[in-house]
Every structure is written in structure tokens, then in C-alpha cells.
Amino acid sequence: MDLWDFLPFFSSEVGYLGLALVSFFGSLIPFVPIPSFILLITMSVGDQFNLHILALIAAITATVAKQIIFAISYGGRRIISEKTKQRMKPFQKLVKKYGAGAAFFAAATPIPDDLVYVPLGLAKYNPLRFFIATLTGKIVLCYVIVILSHYLSGPVVDPIFEMFGISEPEDLEDPTPIILGIVIFGVAMTSVVVLLLRMDWNRILGSILPWTIEDDDENQK
């Protein structure tokens, strides 16, 4: 079976269910950028699919996947050493204070959002606030994608495919470069998170944001 049978990013024939599956599983793998937005773009061109349904399906399924990553990170604090917890306390206070805004920004932009979601989970940020902020951001992002793709299909879609070295979606035969790029990016993002856990945030944030290292009731929990 061809690999693209599992990664149908360049086919708009998969329908709403296919979009839901690709969006969910593509968002579920942390730090590995499965470009489900490419499928969303191709399905938004023309009048075959309802734009509102496309945007909502992609946003909701991506949010559910990110909620799972957040929950795993939330519980993952139990396996972190006390030394790491002490180093992370100032960073946890920082992300808790700006958590909703950070989650919304990460969801509403094409940045590697797991770099924000994992620390929020480790900091035990409010799950309901995280869900609302993430869902709102994903809805904004997905609506921007489908509207631009639908009404500006040529100027929007063509440059995206050109980034992958192809002029038309059906011209892609060898997915190796994309897969290699996905693996490299995933390793890089995972390394960044490991670095975040190992950094001495008391020293880094202490001089810039002294309130993050002050003892209070929240820090004693």
C-alpha cells in the first residue's frame, strides 16, 4: 500500500470524515507537524464543500487532540524530579498568568503550538480556560484558512504547494523530503521542550520578572 494512502493531504476526495481524521491525528502527535492544513486548503477551493463545516470540523478535532496533549502534560508533572520542579516554578507562574492569551495565540497562528501547550499542562493551567482559548484560536485560524483559500485560491494555494517543491498536488510522487522534514522538525521541537525543562528559570526570569521567583501561597503548592 502506498504511503499516501495514510497521508491523503493532497486529495480533496476524502470528505468531511477524512478531514476530521487527518486533523485529529495530525494534531495529536506532539512536535511533529503533519500538515493537515494543506488538506483543509485544497477542500476549501471551489464549491464542493461548505466552508463553515470545514472550518468547524478542523478546529474542533484539532482542539480535542490538543486537549489530550495538554492532559498528558498535566499528569506528566508527577514523573518530573523535584529539582526540575523547583527550576520550573518561575516559568510556571509566568505561563499561568498569561496562559489563556498564550494558548489562543498559539492556536490562532501557525507556530508550533505544542511548545506552549506542554508547559501549560506541566504548570497545571486551568483545563477549561485552556480548552476555550484553544478552541477559539483554532476556529479563527481555520476560518482564515478556508476563506483565503476559497476566495484567493490561486495566490494562496500555489505558493504553499511550491514550498513542497511541486507545482500541482497530483505531481507529488516521492514523499520522502516531506517525511524527512517532519522527522527533523519533530526532533528539534522535542529537544526544545527538554531544554525548557533543564533551564534554570530562577536565574533567567529572576532579573527580568522578579515576581516570578517570589514565594507565595501558589508557589508553595
N, C-alpha and C. Protein backbone atom coordinates (compact mmCIF):
# COMPACT_ATOMS: atom_id res chain seq x y z
N MET A 1 0.85 -1.20 0.00
CA MET A 1 0.00 0.00 0.00
C MET A 1 0.88 1.24 0.00
N ASP A 2 0.52 2.25 -0.78
CA ASP A 2 1.31 3.46 -0.88
C ASP A 2 1.17 4.29 0.38
N LEU A 3 2.26 4.97 0.75
CA LEU A 3 2.26 5.76 1.97
C LEU A 3 1.19 6.84 1.95
N TRP A 4 0.91 7.39 0.78
CA TRP A 4 -0.07 8.46 0.69
C TRP A 4 -1.48 7.98 0.94
N ASP A 5 -1.67 6.65 1.01
CA ASP A 5 -2.98 6.15 1.42
C ASP A 5 -3.25 6.50 2.88
N PHE A 6 -2.15 6.67 3.66
CA PHE A 6 -2.28 7.03 5.06
C PHE A 6 -2.18 8.55 5.27
N LEU A 7 -1.61 9.25 4.31
CA LEU A 7 -1.44 10.69 4.42
C LEU A 7 -2.09 11.37 3.23
N PRO A 8 -3.42 11.41 3.17
CA PRO A 8 -4.11 11.93 1.99
C PRO A 8 -4.21 13.45 1.99
N PHE A 9 -3.06 14.14 2.21
CA PHE A 9 -3.11 15.59 2.34
C PHE A 9 -3.45 16.29 1.05
N PHE A 10 -3.14 15.65 -0.08
CA PHE A 10 -3.27 16.35 -1.34
C PHE A 10 -4.47 15.85 -2.14
N SER A 11 -5.46 15.34 -1.46
CA SER A 11 -6.67 14.89 -2.12
C SER A 11 -7.88 15.47 -1.42
N SER A 12 -8.75 16.12 -2.16
CA SER A 12 -9.97 16.70 -1.57
C SER A 12 -11.13 15.72 -1.65
N GLU A 13 -10.86 14.48 -2.03
CA GLU A 13 -11.92 13.49 -2.20
C GLU A 13 -12.20 12.72 -0.92
N VAL A 14 -11.47 13.00 0.14
CA VAL A 14 -11.63 12.22 1.37
C VAL A 14 -12.89 12.62 2.13
N GLY A 15 -13.44 13.81 1.88
CA GLY A 15 -14.67 14.22 2.51
C GLY A 15 -14.48 14.74 3.92
N TYR A 16 -15.61 15.06 4.57
CA TYR A 16 -15.57 15.64 5.91
C TYR A 16 -14.97 14.67 6.92
N LEU A 17 -15.31 13.39 6.83
CA LEU A 17 -14.76 12.42 7.78
C LEU A 17 -13.25 12.32 7.63
N GLY A 18 -12.78 12.32 6.40
CA GLY A 18 -11.34 12.27 6.18
C GLY A 18 -10.64 13.49 6.76
N LEU A 19 -11.25 14.66 6.59
CA LEU A 19 -10.67 15.87 7.16
C LEU A 19 -10.61 15.78 8.68
N ALA A 20 -11.68 15.26 9.28
CA ALA A 20 -11.72 15.13 10.74
C ALA A 20 -10.60 14.21 11.23
N LEU A 21 -10.41 13.09 10.55
CA LEU A 21 -9.38 12.13 10.96
C LEU A 21 -7.98 12.70 10.80
N VAL A 22 -7.74 13.33 9.64
CA VAL A 22 -6.41 13.90 9.38
C VAL A 22 -6.13 15.04 10.36
N SER A 23 -7.12 15.88 10.61
CA SER A 23 -6.93 16.99 11.52
C SER A 23 -6.69 16.50 12.95
N PHE A 24 -7.43 15.48 13.37
CA PHE A 24 -7.27 14.97 14.73
C PHE A 24 -5.91 14.31 14.93
N PHE A 25 -5.60 13.33 14.08
CA PHE A 25 -4.34 12.60 14.26
C PHE A 25 -3.13 13.46 13.91
N GLY A 26 -3.32 14.40 12.98
CA GLY A 26 -2.22 15.30 12.66
C GLY A 26 -1.90 16.24 13.81
N SER A 27 -2.91 16.56 14.61
CA SER A 27 -2.71 17.45 15.76
C SER A 27 -2.36 16.68 17.03
N LEU A 28 -2.58 15.38 17.02
CA LEU A 28 -2.37 14.58 18.22
C LEU A 28 -0.90 14.28 18.48
N ILE A 29 -0.11 14.22 17.42
CA ILE A 29 1.31 13.88 17.57
C ILE A 29 2.07 15.14 17.96
N PRO A 30 2.58 15.21 19.19
CA PRO A 30 3.24 16.44 19.62
C PRO A 30 4.55 16.68 18.90
N PHE A 31 4.76 17.94 18.51
CA PHE A 31 6.01 18.40 17.91
C PHE A 31 6.28 17.84 16.52
N VAL A 32 5.35 17.08 15.96
CA VAL A 32 5.53 16.53 14.61
C VAL A 32 4.50 17.18 13.70
N PRO A 33 4.94 18.07 12.80
CA PRO A 33 3.99 18.86 12.00
C PRO A 33 3.41 18.09 10.82
N ILE A 34 2.34 17.32 11.06
CA ILE A 34 1.61 16.71 9.96
C ILE A 34 0.74 17.81 9.35
N PRO A 35 1.02 18.23 8.11
CA PRO A 35 0.35 19.44 7.57
C PRO A 35 -1.09 19.21 7.14
N SER A 36 -1.97 19.00 8.13
CA SER A 36 -3.39 18.80 7.82
C SER A 36 -4.01 20.04 7.21
N PHE A 37 -3.37 21.20 7.44
CA PHE A 37 -3.94 22.43 6.89
C PHE A 37 -3.90 22.42 5.36
N ILE A 38 -3.00 21.61 4.77
CA ILE A 38 -2.94 21.52 3.31
C ILE A 38 -4.22 20.88 2.78
N LEU A 39 -4.70 19.84 3.48
CA LEU A 39 -5.96 19.21 3.09
C LEU A 39 -7.11 20.20 3.25
N LEU A 40 -7.10 20.96 4.33
CA LEU A 40 -8.14 21.96 4.55
C LEU A 40 -8.13 23.00 3.44
N ILE A 41 -6.96 23.39 3.00
CA ILE A 41 -6.84 24.37 1.92
C ILE A 41 -7.42 23.82 0.62
N THR A 42 -7.03 22.61 0.26
CA THR A 42 -7.49 22.05 -1.01
C THR A 42 -9.00 21.81 -1.01
N MET A 43 -9.56 21.46 0.14
CA MET A 43 -11.00 21.23 0.22
C MET A 43 -11.78 22.54 0.20
N SER A 44 -11.11 23.65 0.54
CA SER A 44 -11.78 24.94 0.57
C SER A 44 -11.88 25.58 -0.81
N VAL A 45 -11.08 25.09 -1.75
CA VAL A 45 -11.11 25.64 -3.11
C VAL A 45 -12.35 25.11 -3.83
N GLY A 46 -13.10 25.98 -4.48
CA GLY A 46 -14.30 25.55 -5.18
C GLY A 46 -15.51 25.53 -4.26
N ASP A 47 -16.59 24.92 -4.74
CA ASP A 47 -17.86 24.92 -4.01
C ASP A 47 -18.31 23.51 -3.62
N GLN A 48 -17.39 22.57 -3.60
CA GLN A 48 -17.77 21.19 -3.29
C GLN A 48 -18.13 21.02 -1.82
N PHE A 49 -17.48 21.78 -0.94
CA PHE A 49 -17.69 21.63 0.50
C PHE A 49 -18.15 22.94 1.11
N ASN A 50 -18.92 22.83 2.20
CA ASN A 50 -19.37 24.00 2.94
C ASN A 50 -18.22 24.56 3.77
N LEU A 51 -17.91 25.84 3.60
CA LEU A 51 -16.76 26.45 4.27
C LEU A 51 -16.91 26.44 5.79
N HIS A 52 -18.12 26.67 6.28
CA HIS A 52 -18.34 26.69 7.73
C HIS A 52 -18.11 25.31 8.34
N ILE A 53 -18.59 24.28 7.66
CA ILE A 53 -18.41 22.92 8.17
C ILE A 53 -16.93 22.55 8.16
N LEU A 54 -16.23 22.92 7.09
CA LEU A 54 -14.80 22.63 7.01
C LEU A 54 -14.04 23.26 8.17
N ALA A 55 -14.29 24.55 8.40
CA ALA A 55 -13.57 25.27 9.45
C ALA A 55 -13.88 24.70 10.82
N LEU A 56 -15.16 24.40 11.09
CA LEU A 56 -15.54 23.90 12.41
C LEU A 56 -15.02 22.49 12.65
N ILE A 57 -15.06 21.64 11.64
CA ILE A 57 -14.54 20.27 11.79
C ILE A 57 -13.05 20.31 12.11
N ALA A 58 -12.30 21.07 11.33
CA ALA A 58 -10.86 21.15 11.54
C ALA A 58 -10.53 21.74 12.91
N ALA A 59 -11.27 22.79 13.30
CA ALA A 59 -10.99 23.45 14.58
C ALA A 59 -11.32 22.55 15.76
N ILE A 60 -12.48 21.90 15.72
CA ILE A 60 -12.91 21.08 16.85
C ILE A 60 -12.03 19.85 17.01
N THR A 61 -11.75 19.15 15.92
CA THR A 61 -10.93 17.94 16.02
C THR A 61 -9.49 18.27 16.45
N ALA A 62 -8.95 19.38 15.96
CA ALA A 62 -7.61 19.79 16.37
C ALA A 62 -7.59 20.15 17.85
N THR A 63 -8.65 20.82 18.32
CA THR A 63 -8.73 21.20 19.72
C THR A 63 -8.82 19.99 20.63
N VAL A 64 -9.60 19.00 20.24
CA VAL A 64 -9.71 17.77 21.03
C VAL A 64 -8.36 17.09 21.13
N ALA A 65 -7.63 17.03 20.03
CA ALA A 65 -6.30 16.42 20.04
C ALA A 65 -5.35 17.18 20.96
N LYS A 66 -5.39 18.50 20.89
CA LYS A 66 -4.52 19.30 21.74
C LYS A 66 -4.91 19.19 23.21
N GLN A 67 -6.20 18.95 23.47
CA GLN A 67 -6.64 18.75 24.84
C GLN A 67 -6.02 17.47 25.41
N ILE A 68 -5.88 16.47 24.58
CA ILE A 68 -5.25 15.21 25.02
C ILE A 68 -3.78 15.45 25.35
N ILE A 69 -3.08 16.19 24.49
CA ILE A 69 -1.68 16.52 24.76
C ILE A 69 -1.55 17.31 26.05
N PHE A 70 -2.46 18.26 26.24
CA PHE A 70 -2.47 19.07 27.47
C PHE A 70 -2.69 18.18 28.69
N ALA A 71 -3.63 17.24 28.60
CA ALA A 71 -3.94 16.35 29.74
C ALA A 71 -2.75 15.46 30.08
N ILE A 72 -2.07 14.96 29.05
CA ILE A 72 -0.89 14.13 29.29
C ILE A 72 0.21 14.94 29.98
N SER A 73 0.40 16.17 29.51
CA SER A 73 1.40 17.05 30.13
C SER A 73 0.99 17.40 31.55
N TYR A 74 -0.30 17.59 31.75
CA TYR A 74 -0.84 17.91 33.08
C TYR A 74 -0.50 16.81 34.08
N GLY A 75 -0.68 15.57 33.65
CA GLY A 75 -0.37 14.45 34.53
C GLY A 75 1.11 14.10 34.55
N GLY A 76 1.84 14.54 33.53
CA GLY A 76 3.26 14.21 33.44
C GLY A 76 4.10 14.87 34.51
N ARG A 77 3.57 15.86 35.17
CA ARG A 77 4.31 16.54 36.24
C ARG A 77 4.68 15.56 37.35
N ARG A 78 3.92 14.51 37.49
CA ARG A 78 4.17 13.54 38.57
C ARG A 78 5.50 12.83 38.40
N ILE A 79 5.98 12.69 37.17
CA ILE A 79 7.21 11.95 36.94
C ILE A 79 8.43 12.87 36.84
N ILE A 80 8.22 14.17 37.02
CA ILE A 80 9.32 15.12 36.98
C ILE A 80 9.97 15.19 38.35
N SER A 81 11.28 15.25 38.38
CA SER A 81 12.01 15.29 39.65
C SER A 81 11.74 16.60 40.37
N GLU A 82 11.94 16.58 41.69
CA GLU A 82 11.73 17.78 42.49
C GLU A 82 12.69 18.88 42.08
N LYS A 83 13.89 18.53 41.69
CA LYS A 83 14.86 19.53 41.25
C LYS A 83 14.36 20.26 40.00
N THR A 84 13.79 19.51 39.08
CA THR A 84 13.25 20.12 37.86
C THR A 84 12.04 20.99 38.19
N LYS A 85 11.21 20.53 39.11
CA LYS A 85 10.04 21.31 39.51
C LYS A 85 10.46 22.66 40.09
N GLN A 86 11.51 22.66 40.91
CA GLN A 86 11.98 23.90 41.50
C GLN A 86 12.50 24.85 40.43
N ARG A 87 13.20 24.31 39.43
CA ARG A 87 13.71 25.15 38.33
C ARG A 87 12.57 25.72 37.51
N MET A 88 11.48 24.97 37.41
CA MET A 88 10.37 25.36 36.54
C MET A 88 9.37 26.30 37.21
N LYS A 89 9.45 26.49 38.53
CA LYS A 89 8.44 27.27 39.23
C LYS A 89 8.25 28.67 38.66
N PRO A 90 9.31 29.44 38.42
CA PRO A 90 9.09 30.79 37.84
C PRO A 90 8.42 30.74 36.47
N PHE A 91 8.82 29.77 35.66
CA PHE A 91 8.21 29.64 34.34
C PHE A 91 6.75 29.25 34.45
N GLN A 92 6.41 28.41 35.41
CA GLN A 92 5.02 28.01 35.63
C GLN A 92 4.17 29.21 36.01
N LYS A 93 4.70 30.07 36.89
CA LYS A 93 3.95 31.27 37.28
C LYS A 93 3.73 32.19 36.09
N LEU A 94 4.73 32.27 35.22
CA LEU A 94 4.62 33.12 34.05
C LEU A 94 3.53 32.63 33.10
N VAL A 95 3.55 31.33 32.79
CA VAL A 95 2.58 30.80 31.83
C VAL A 95 1.17 30.76 32.43
N LYS A 96 1.07 30.60 33.75
CA LYS A 96 -0.24 30.63 34.37
C LYS A 96 -0.88 32.01 34.26
N LYS A 97 -0.06 33.04 34.41
CA LYS A 97 -0.58 34.41 34.36
C LYS A 97 -1.07 34.76 32.96
N TYR A 98 -0.34 34.32 31.94
CA TYR A 98 -0.70 34.66 30.57
C TYR A 98 -1.16 33.44 29.78
N GLY A 99 -1.65 32.43 30.50
CA GLY A 99 -1.98 31.15 29.87
C GLY A 99 -3.01 31.23 28.77
N ALA A 100 -4.14 31.90 29.04
CA ALA A 100 -5.23 31.96 28.05
C ALA A 100 -4.77 32.69 26.80
N GLY A 101 -4.09 33.81 26.99
CA GLY A 101 -3.59 34.56 25.84
C GLY A 101 -2.57 33.79 25.04
N ALA A 102 -1.69 33.08 25.75
CA ALA A 102 -0.67 32.29 25.07
C ALA A 102 -1.30 31.13 24.30
N ALA A 103 -2.28 30.47 24.92
CA ALA A 103 -2.95 29.34 24.26
C ALA A 103 -3.71 29.81 23.03
N PHE A 104 -4.38 30.96 23.14
CA PHE A 104 -5.11 31.50 22.00
C PHE A 104 -4.16 31.87 20.87
N PHE A 105 -3.07 32.55 21.20
CA PHE A 105 -2.11 32.96 20.18
C PHE A 105 -1.51 31.75 19.47
N ALA A 106 -1.16 30.72 20.25
CA ALA A 106 -0.58 29.51 19.66
C ALA A 106 -1.57 28.81 18.74
N ALA A 107 -2.86 28.83 19.13
CA ALA A 107 -3.88 28.16 18.33
C ALA A 107 -4.25 28.95 17.08
N ALA A 108 -4.20 30.27 17.17
CA ALA A 108 -4.66 31.12 16.07
C ALA A 108 -3.57 31.43 15.06
N THR A 109 -2.36 30.97 15.31
CA THR A 109 -1.24 31.21 14.40
C THR A 109 -0.59 29.88 14.03
N PRO A 110 0.16 29.83 12.94
CA PRO A 110 0.77 28.56 12.52
C PRO A 110 2.09 28.25 13.21
N ILE A 111 2.29 28.73 14.44
CA ILE A 111 3.51 28.42 15.17
C ILE A 111 3.41 27.01 15.74
N PRO A 112 4.52 26.39 16.14
CA PRO A 112 4.47 25.07 16.79
C PRO A 112 3.77 25.19 18.15
N ASP A 113 2.47 24.99 18.19
CA ASP A 113 1.69 25.29 19.39
C ASP A 113 2.00 24.40 20.58
N ASP A 114 2.54 23.21 20.36
CA ASP A 114 2.85 22.33 21.48
C ASP A 114 3.93 22.90 22.39
N LEU A 115 4.73 23.82 21.86
CA LEU A 115 5.73 24.49 22.69
C LEU A 115 5.07 25.34 23.77
N VAL A 116 3.82 25.70 23.55
CA VAL A 116 3.05 26.45 24.55
C VAL A 116 2.19 25.52 25.37
N TYR A 117 1.57 24.54 24.72
CA TYR A 117 0.60 23.68 25.40
C TYR A 117 1.25 22.75 26.44
N VAL A 118 2.41 22.20 26.11
CA VAL A 118 3.07 21.29 27.06
C VAL A 118 3.47 22.02 28.35
N PRO A 119 4.12 23.18 28.28
CA PRO A 119 4.41 23.91 29.52
C PRO A 119 3.16 24.30 30.30
N LEU A 120 2.07 24.65 29.59
CA LEU A 120 0.82 24.97 30.29
C LEU A 120 0.30 23.76 31.05
N GLY A 121 0.41 22.58 30.44
CA GLY A 121 -0.02 21.37 31.13
C GLY A 121 0.85 21.07 32.34
N LEU A 122 2.16 21.21 32.17
CA LEU A 122 3.08 20.97 33.28
C LEU A 122 2.83 21.95 34.43
N ALA A 123 2.40 23.17 34.08
CA ALA A 123 2.12 24.19 35.09
C ALA A 123 0.73 24.02 35.70
N LYS A 124 -0.01 23.00 35.25
CA LYS A 124 -1.37 22.73 35.74
C LYS A 124 -2.29 23.94 35.54
N TYR A 125 -2.24 24.47 34.34
CA TYR A 125 -3.12 25.58 34.00
C TYR A 125 -4.57 25.09 33.96
N ASN A 126 -5.51 25.99 34.20
CA ASN A 126 -6.93 25.64 34.25
C ASN A 126 -7.37 24.96 32.95
N PRO A 127 -7.82 23.70 32.99
CA PRO A 127 -8.18 22.97 31.76
C PRO A 127 -9.32 23.61 30.98
N LEU A 128 -10.32 24.15 31.67
CA LEU A 128 -11.46 24.76 30.97
C LEU A 128 -11.01 26.01 30.23
N ARG A 129 -10.21 26.84 30.87
CA ARG A 129 -9.70 28.04 30.21
C ARG A 129 -8.83 27.66 29.01
N PHE A 130 -8.05 26.62 29.19
CA PHE A 130 -7.20 26.17 28.08
C PHE A 130 -8.06 25.72 26.91
N PHE A 131 -9.10 24.96 27.18
CA PHE A 131 -9.97 24.46 26.12
C PHE A 131 -10.64 25.61 25.37
N ILE A 132 -11.19 26.57 26.11
CA ILE A 132 -11.88 27.68 25.48
C ILE A 132 -10.92 28.51 24.63
N ALA A 133 -9.75 28.81 25.18
CA ALA A 133 -8.78 29.62 24.45
C ALA A 133 -8.28 28.90 23.21
N THR A 134 -8.03 27.60 23.32
CA THR A 134 -7.54 26.83 22.18
C THR A 134 -8.61 26.69 21.11
N LEU A 135 -9.83 26.37 21.51
CA LEU A 135 -10.91 26.23 20.54
C LEU A 135 -11.16 27.55 19.80
N THR A 136 -11.19 28.65 20.55
CA THR A 136 -11.41 29.96 19.92
C THR A 136 -10.31 30.27 18.92
N GLY A 137 -9.06 30.00 19.31
CA GLY A 137 -7.95 30.26 18.41
C GLY A 137 -7.98 29.39 17.17
N LYS A 138 -8.31 28.12 17.34
CA LYS A 138 -8.37 27.21 16.19
C LYS A 138 -9.49 27.60 15.23
N ILE A 139 -10.61 28.05 15.77
CA ILE A 139 -11.71 28.49 14.92
C ILE A 139 -11.27 29.69 14.08
N VAL A 140 -10.59 30.64 14.72
CA VAL A 140 -10.09 31.81 14.00
C VAL A 140 -9.13 31.39 12.89
N LEU A 141 -8.17 30.53 13.23
CA LEU A 141 -7.18 30.10 12.25
C LEU A 141 -7.82 29.35 11.09
N CYS A 142 -8.73 28.43 11.39
CA CYS A 142 -9.34 27.61 10.34
C CYS A 142 -10.25 28.45 9.44
N TYR A 143 -10.94 29.41 10.01
CA TYR A 143 -11.77 30.29 9.18
C TYR A 143 -10.92 31.16 8.27
N VAL A 144 -9.80 31.63 8.77
CA VAL A 144 -8.90 32.42 7.93
C VAL A 144 -8.39 31.57 6.77
N ILE A 145 -8.03 30.32 7.07
CA ILE A 145 -7.51 29.43 6.03
C ILE A 145 -8.55 29.15 4.96
N VAL A 146 -9.76 28.78 5.37
CA VAL A 146 -10.77 28.39 4.37
C VAL A 146 -11.25 29.60 3.56
N ILE A 147 -11.37 30.75 4.21
CA ILE A 147 -11.84 31.94 3.48
C ILE A 147 -10.80 32.40 2.47
N LEU A 148 -9.54 32.48 2.90
CA LEU A 148 -8.49 32.89 1.97
C LEU A 148 -8.32 31.89 0.84
N SER A 149 -8.40 30.60 1.19
CA SER A 149 -8.23 29.56 0.17
C SER A 149 -9.37 29.58 -0.83
N HIS A 150 -10.58 29.85 -0.35
CA HIS A 150 -11.75 29.83 -1.23
C HIS A 150 -11.78 31.03 -2.18
N TYR A 151 -11.50 32.20 -1.62
CA TYR A 151 -11.63 33.41 -2.43
C TYR A 151 -10.33 33.86 -3.09
N LEU A 152 -9.20 33.33 -2.60
CA LEU A 152 -7.90 33.66 -3.21
C LEU A 152 -7.14 32.38 -3.50
N SER A 153 -7.81 31.42 -4.12
CA SER A 153 -7.25 30.08 -4.28
C SER A 153 -5.90 30.09 -5.00
N GLY A 154 -5.77 30.85 -6.07
CA GLY A 154 -4.51 30.87 -6.80
C GLY A 154 -3.37 31.45 -6.00
N PRO A 155 -3.50 32.70 -5.52
CA PRO A 155 -2.41 33.32 -4.76
C PRO A 155 -2.08 32.63 -3.45
N VAL A 156 -3.05 31.90 -2.86
CA VAL A 156 -2.83 31.27 -1.56
C VAL A 156 -2.33 29.84 -1.71
N VAL A 157 -3.01 29.05 -2.54
CA VAL A 157 -2.71 27.62 -2.63
C VAL A 157 -1.40 27.35 -3.35
N ASP A 158 -1.17 28.03 -4.48
CA ASP A 158 0.01 27.76 -5.29
C ASP A 158 1.32 27.93 -4.51
N PRO A 159 1.51 29.04 -3.78
CA PRO A 159 2.77 29.19 -3.04
C PRO A 159 2.99 28.12 -1.99
N ILE A 160 1.89 27.62 -1.38
CA ILE A 160 2.03 26.59 -0.35
C ILE A 160 2.55 25.30 -0.96
N PHE A 161 1.99 24.91 -2.13
CA PHE A 161 2.49 23.70 -2.77
C PHE A 161 3.92 23.89 -3.29
N GLU A 162 4.24 25.12 -3.69
CA GLU A 162 5.60 25.38 -4.17
C GLU A 162 6.62 25.21 -3.06
N MET A 163 6.19 25.45 -1.80
CA MET A 163 7.10 25.24 -0.67
C MET A 163 7.53 23.78 -0.59
N PHE A 164 6.68 22.88 -1.06
CA PHE A 164 6.99 21.46 -1.05
C PHE A 164 7.63 21.02 -2.36
N GLY A 165 7.96 21.98 -3.24
CA GLY A 165 8.66 21.66 -4.47
C GLY A 165 7.78 21.06 -5.55
N ILE A 166 6.48 21.36 -5.52
CA ILE A 166 5.58 20.82 -6.53
C ILE A 166 4.72 21.95 -7.09
N SER A 167 4.35 21.82 -8.34
CA SER A 167 3.50 22.83 -8.96
C SER A 167 2.03 22.50 -8.83
N GLU A 168 1.72 21.21 -8.76
CA GLU A 168 0.34 20.75 -8.57
C GLU A 168 0.34 19.61 -7.56
N PRO A 169 -0.74 19.47 -6.76
CA PRO A 169 -0.78 18.40 -5.77
C PRO A 169 -0.56 17.02 -6.36
N GLU A 170 -1.13 16.76 -7.54
CA GLU A 170 -1.03 15.42 -8.10
C GLU A 170 0.35 15.10 -8.64
N ASP A 171 1.22 16.14 -8.73
CA ASP A 171 2.55 15.92 -9.25
C ASP A 171 3.47 15.28 -8.23
N LEU A 172 3.07 15.26 -6.95
CA LEU A 172 3.93 14.74 -5.91
C LEU A 172 3.95 13.22 -5.93
N GLU A 173 5.13 12.63 -6.17
CA GLU A 173 5.26 11.18 -6.21
C GLU A 173 6.10 10.66 -5.06
N ASP A 174 7.15 11.36 -4.71
CA ASP A 174 8.05 10.90 -3.66
C ASP A 174 7.85 11.76 -2.41
N PRO A 175 7.26 11.20 -1.35
CA PRO A 175 7.01 11.97 -0.13
C PRO A 175 8.21 12.04 0.81
N THR A 176 9.34 11.44 0.41
CA THR A 176 10.50 11.35 1.30
C THR A 176 10.96 12.69 1.84
N PRO A 177 11.11 13.74 1.01
CA PRO A 177 11.57 15.02 1.55
C PRO A 177 10.65 15.59 2.63
N ILE A 178 9.33 15.44 2.42
CA ILE A 178 8.38 15.95 3.41
C ILE A 178 8.48 15.15 4.71
N ILE A 179 8.56 13.83 4.58
CA ILE A 179 8.65 12.98 5.77
C ILE A 179 9.93 13.27 6.54
N LEU A 180 11.04 13.44 5.82
CA LEU A 180 12.31 13.76 6.46
C LEU A 180 12.22 15.10 7.20
N GLY A 181 11.58 16.08 6.55
CA GLY A 181 11.42 17.37 7.19
C GLY A 181 10.56 17.28 8.45
N ILE A 182 9.51 16.45 8.40
CA ILE A 182 8.64 16.26 9.56
C ILE A 182 9.41 15.66 10.72
N VAL A 183 10.24 14.64 10.44
CA VAL A 183 11.03 13.97 11.48
C VAL A 183 12.03 14.95 12.10
N ILE A 184 12.74 15.68 11.25
CA ILE A 184 13.74 16.63 11.74
C ILE A 184 13.09 17.69 12.61
N PHE A 185 11.95 18.21 12.15
CA PHE A 185 11.26 19.25 12.91
C PHE A 185 10.77 18.69 14.24
N GLY A 186 10.25 17.45 14.23
CA GLY A 186 9.78 16.84 15.46
C GLY A 186 10.89 16.66 16.48
N VAL A 187 12.05 16.22 16.02
CA VAL A 187 13.20 16.05 16.91
C VAL A 187 13.64 17.40 17.47
N ALA A 188 13.64 18.42 16.63
CA ALA A 188 14.06 19.75 17.07
C ALA A 188 13.11 20.30 18.13
N MET A 189 11.80 20.16 17.92
CA MET A 189 10.83 20.67 18.88
C MET A 189 10.89 19.91 20.19
N THR A 190 11.10 18.60 20.12
CA THR A 190 11.23 17.81 21.34
C THR A 190 12.46 18.24 22.13
N SER A 191 13.53 18.53 21.41
CA SER A 191 14.76 18.99 22.06
C SER A 191 14.55 20.32 22.76
N VAL A 192 13.74 21.19 22.15
CA VAL A 192 13.45 22.49 22.75
C VAL A 192 12.71 22.31 24.08
N VAL A 193 11.74 21.39 24.11
CA VAL A 193 10.98 21.15 25.34
C VAL A 193 11.89 20.59 26.42
N VAL A 194 12.77 19.67 26.06
CA VAL A 194 13.73 19.12 27.03
C VAL A 194 14.61 20.24 27.58
N LEU A 195 15.02 21.15 26.69
CA LEU A 195 15.83 22.29 27.12
C LEU A 195 15.07 23.18 28.09
N LEU A 196 13.77 23.39 27.81
CA LEU A 196 12.94 24.19 28.71
C LEU A 196 12.89 23.60 30.11
N LEU A 197 12.85 22.28 30.18
CA LEU A 197 12.78 21.60 31.47
C LEU A 197 14.10 21.67 32.22
N ARG A 198 15.19 21.82 31.52
CA ARG A 198 16.52 21.79 32.14
C ARG A 198 17.07 23.19 32.46
N MET A 199 16.44 24.23 31.94
CA MET A 199 16.93 25.58 32.17
C MET A 199 16.63 26.05 33.59
N ASP A 200 17.50 26.88 34.13
CA ASP A 200 17.32 27.45 35.47
C ASP A 200 16.50 28.73 35.33
N TRP A 201 15.17 28.59 35.46
CA TRP A 201 14.28 29.73 35.26
C TRP A 201 14.35 30.73 36.40
N ASN A 202 14.83 30.31 37.58
CA ASN A 202 15.03 31.27 38.66
C ASN A 202 16.06 32.32 38.25
N ARG A 203 17.11 31.89 37.60
CA ARG A 203 18.15 32.82 37.17
C ARG A 203 17.71 33.62 35.95
N ILE A 204 17.02 32.97 35.01
CA ILE A 204 16.64 33.63 33.77
C ILE A 204 15.58 34.69 34.00
N LEU A 205 14.53 34.34 34.75
CA LEU A 205 13.41 35.27 34.95
C LEU A 205 13.56 36.15 36.18
N GLY A 206 14.45 35.76 37.08
CA GLY A 206 14.59 36.50 38.34
C GLY A 206 14.94 37.95 38.13
N SER A 207 15.85 38.25 37.21
CA SER A 207 16.28 39.63 36.99
C SER A 207 15.31 40.41 36.12
N ILE A 208 14.53 39.70 35.29
CA ILE A 208 13.61 40.36 34.37
C ILE A 208 12.23 40.52 34.99
N LEU A 209 11.73 39.43 35.56
CA LEU A 209 10.40 39.41 36.17
C LEU A 209 10.53 38.88 37.59
N PRO A 210 10.96 39.71 38.52
CA PRO A 210 11.22 39.23 39.89
C PRO A 210 10.01 38.64 40.59
N TRP A 211 8.81 39.03 40.15
CA TRP A 211 7.61 38.49 40.80
C TRP A 211 7.46 37.00 40.57
N THR A 212 8.13 36.46 39.55
CA THR A 212 8.01 35.02 39.27
C THR A 212 8.80 34.17 40.26
N ILE A 213 9.72 34.79 41.01
CA ILE A 213 10.51 34.00 41.97
C ILE A 213 10.14 34.31 43.41
N GLU A 214 9.14 35.17 43.57
CA GLU A 214 8.69 35.49 44.93
C GLU A 214 7.86 34.34 45.48
N ASP A 215 8.04 34.05 46.76
CA ASP A 215 7.28 32.99 47.42
C ASP A 215 5.86 33.49 47.70
N ASP A 216 4.89 32.65 47.37
CA ASP A 216 3.50 32.94 47.71
C ASP A 216 2.77 31.64 47.91
N ASP A 217 1.51 31.71 48.22
CA ASP A 217 0.75 30.51 48.50
C ASP A 217 0.71 29.57 47.31
N GLU A 218 0.65 30.15 46.09
CA GLU A 218 0.57 29.33 44.88
C GLU A 218 1.87 28.56 44.68
N ASN A 219 2.97 29.21 45.01
CA ASN A 219 4.27 28.57 44.80
C ASN A 219 4.52 27.47 45.83
N GLN A 220 3.80 27.53 46.95
CA GLN A 220 4.01 26.52 47.97
C GLN A 220 3.25 25.25 47.70
N LYS A 221 2.35 25.25 46.72
CA LYS A 221 1.55 24.07 46.41
C LYS A 221 2.41 23.01 45.77
